[in-house]
């Protein structure tokens, strides 16, 4: 057999074996070339948030327009929760009916004033190492919770 033909067949067989082997492994961390998941935009009560890749929504923890009447104050609550294998992100949007809020009104956890992703609000860390960042936007109080402070900034779109 001609050496060139034998070499070409060998290269073809190695390529076929490599493709079969590659499909058995997860290359999602190597970028979009191998189909890595992309960040997803999520809209909650008209507000857009960016959920990092590999986080999936936990549907049984969602709320979509739950009304709470406190007598002097009525709120409509929207909640979405997401997790990956090790971390979680919870987003709460409270629409306070008939009231425009200032950031001073949202520091109900006695958090530390902080600017995250260009948004002024308050960061609070509880005894369970859960970080909560709250800020106001018009008549809404927005809270983002996570077990990692570094996950909060990228969520604010």
Protein backbone atom coordinates (compact mmCIF):
# COMPACT_ATOMS: atom_id res chain seq x y z
CA UNK A 1 0.00 0.00 0.00
CA UNK A 2 1.19 3.46 -0.76
CA UNK A 3 2.62 5.29 2.28
CA UNK A 4 0.53 8.39 1.55
CA UNK A 5 -2.71 6.41 1.51
CA UNK A 6 -1.77 4.57 4.70
CA UNK A 7 -0.94 7.89 6.38
CA UNK A 8 -4.25 9.44 5.24
CA UNK A 9 -6.23 6.44 6.57
CA UNK A 10 -4.41 6.64 9.89
CA UNK A 11 -5.17 10.36 10.22
CA UNK A 12 -8.84 9.72 9.35
CA UNK A 13 -9.16 6.92 11.92
CA UNK A 14 -7.51 9.03 14.63
CA UNK A 15 -9.88 11.92 13.80
CA UNK A 16 -12.94 9.65 14.02
CA UNK A 17 -11.74 8.25 17.35
CA UNK A 18 -11.06 11.75 18.68
CA UNK A 19 -14.57 12.95 17.78
CA UNK A 20 -16.11 9.94 19.51
CA UNK A 21 -13.98 10.48 22.59
CA UNK A 22 -14.69 14.22 22.72
CA UNK A 23 -18.42 13.63 22.79
CA UNK A 24 -18.00 11.59 25.98
CA UNK A 25 -16.63 14.57 27.93
CA UNK A 26 -18.16 17.86 29.06
CA UNK A 27 -16.26 20.73 27.46
CA UNK A 28 -18.78 23.41 28.48
CA UNK A 29 -16.19 25.29 30.54
CA UNK A 30 -14.02 25.89 27.45
CA UNK A 31 -16.29 28.53 25.94
CA UNK A 32 -18.97 28.89 23.35
CA UNK A 33 -16.95 26.87 20.83
CA UNK A 34 -18.14 23.79 22.73
CA UNK A 35 -21.63 25.07 23.54
CA UNK A 36 -21.09 26.62 26.98
CA UNK A 37 -24.30 27.99 28.48
CA UNK A 38 -24.69 31.74 28.31
CA UNK A 39 -25.94 34.20 30.90
CA UNK A 40 -29.69 34.66 30.72
CA UNK A 41 -31.76 37.80 31.12
CA UNK A 42 -34.77 37.46 33.40
CA UNK A 43 -37.52 40.07 33.73
CA UNK A 44 -39.38 40.34 37.04
CA UNK A 45 -42.16 42.94 37.31
CA UNK A 46 -40.61 44.94 34.46
CA UNK A 47 -37.08 44.87 35.92
CA UNK A 48 -34.34 42.97 34.05
CA UNK A 49 -31.68 40.90 35.81
CA UNK A 50 -28.80 38.86 34.40
CA UNK A 51 -28.52 35.32 35.76
CA UNK A 52 -25.06 33.75 35.35
CA UNK A 53 -24.61 30.71 33.13
CA UNK A 54 -25.26 27.30 34.72
CA UNK A 55 -27.84 28.69 37.17
CA UNK A 56 -31.28 27.15 36.81
CA UNK A 57 -34.55 28.50 38.13
CA UNK A 58 -36.14 26.76 41.12
CA UNK A 59 -39.78 27.09 40.07
CA UNK A 60 -41.38 25.99 43.34
CA UNK A 61 -39.83 29.01 45.13
CA UNK A 62 -41.23 31.60 42.70
CA UNK A 63 -43.99 34.08 43.48
CA UNK A 64 -45.73 36.09 40.81
CA UNK A 65 -47.74 38.97 42.19
CA UNK A 66 -48.55 37.95 45.77
CA UNK A 67 -50.35 40.86 47.45
CA UNK A 68 -49.69 41.61 51.11
CA UNK A 69 -51.88 44.23 52.81
CA UNK A 70 -50.37 45.74 55.95
CA UNK A 71 -53.17 48.26 56.46
CA UNK A 72 -51.19 51.42 55.85
CA UNK A 73 -49.09 49.80 53.16
CA UNK A 74 -49.90 47.32 50.40
CA UNK A 75 -47.16 45.44 48.52
CA UNK A 76 -47.12 43.16 45.53
CA UNK A 77 -44.30 40.61 45.72
CA UNK A 78 -42.44 38.88 42.89
CA UNK A 79 -39.74 36.30 43.65
CA UNK A 80 -37.49 34.13 41.51
CA UNK A 81 -34.81 31.79 42.82
CA UNK A 82 -31.89 30.21 40.99
CA UNK A 83 -29.14 27.76 41.88
CA UNK A 84 -26.23 25.86 40.42
CA UNK A 85 -24.44 22.94 42.04
CA UNK A 86 -23.03 25.03 44.89
CA UNK A 87 -24.54 28.56 45.03
CA UNK A 88 -27.90 30.30 45.01
CA UNK A 89 -29.38 33.62 43.91
CA UNK A 90 -32.80 34.90 45.06
CA UNK A 91 -34.37 38.01 43.56
CA UNK A 92 -37.25 39.76 45.35
CA UNK A 93 -39.15 42.68 43.83
CA UNK A 94 -41.68 44.38 46.10
CA UNK A 95 -43.93 46.91 44.44
CA UNK A 96 -45.12 49.33 47.12
CA UNK A 97 -48.45 50.64 45.87
CA UNK A 98 -48.81 54.41 45.73
CA UNK A 99 -45.42 55.20 47.27
CA UNK A 100 -42.21 56.47 45.72
CA UNK A 101 -39.33 55.23 47.80
CA UNK A 102 -35.93 56.60 48.66
CA UNK A 103 -32.93 54.46 49.49
CA UNK A 104 -33.23 55.58 53.13
CA UNK A 105 -36.49 53.64 53.42
CA UNK A 106 -35.02 50.34 52.26
CA UNK A 107 -32.29 49.89 54.86
CA UNK A 108 -34.50 47.67 57.00
CA UNK A 109 -31.65 45.23 57.77
CA UNK A 110 -29.27 47.95 59.00
CA UNK A 111 -26.92 47.12 56.15
CA UNK A 112 -23.86 48.98 54.98
CA UNK A 113 -24.35 51.64 52.32
CA UNK A 114 -22.71 50.40 49.14
CA UNK A 115 -22.63 51.00 45.40
CA UNK A 116 -22.80 47.76 43.43
CA UNK A 117 -22.76 47.86 39.63
CA UNK A 118 -23.56 51.59 39.70
CA UNK A 119 -26.63 51.15 41.92
CA UNK A 120 -26.70 52.65 45.42
CA UNK A 121 -28.20 50.44 48.08
CA UNK A 122 -27.48 48.53 51.27
CA UNK A 123 -25.57 45.28 51.77
CA UNK A 124 -26.35 43.08 54.74
CA UNK A 125 -24.73 39.78 55.77
CA UNK A 126 -26.71 37.59 58.15
CA UNK A 127 -25.53 34.91 60.61
CA UNK A 128 -25.95 32.20 57.93
CA UNK A 129 -23.48 33.99 55.61
CA UNK A 130 -26.24 35.06 53.23
CA UNK A 131 -25.70 38.42 51.57
CA UNK A 132 -28.71 40.62 50.83
CA UNK A 133 -28.41 43.75 48.70
CA UNK A 134 -31.46 46.04 48.68
CA UNK A 135 -32.13 49.15 46.64
CA UNK A 136 -35.11 51.13 45.48
CA UNK A 137 -36.27 51.97 42.00
CA UNK A 138 -39.36 54.16 41.78
CA UNK A 139 -42.02 52.46 43.88
CA UNK A 140 -40.13 49.15 44.08
CA UNK A 141 -37.83 47.63 46.65
CA UNK A 142 -35.44 45.18 44.99
CA UNK A 143 -33.52 42.63 47.00
CA UNK A 144 -30.87 40.27 45.68
CA UNK A 145 -29.68 37.48 47.96
CA UNK A 146 -26.82 35.03 47.53
CA UNK A 147 -24.37 32.97 49.49
CA UNK A 148 -21.56 34.74 47.57
CA UNK A 149 -21.33 38.52 47.58
CA UNK A 150 -19.51 38.41 44.22
CA UNK A 151 -22.64 36.98 42.53
CA UNK A 152 -24.79 40.03 43.36
CA UNK A 153 -23.12 42.60 41.09
CA UNK A 154 -23.42 40.62 37.83
CA UNK A 155 -27.16 40.07 38.47
CA UNK A 156 -27.89 43.80 38.34
CA UNK A 157 -28.39 44.39 34.60
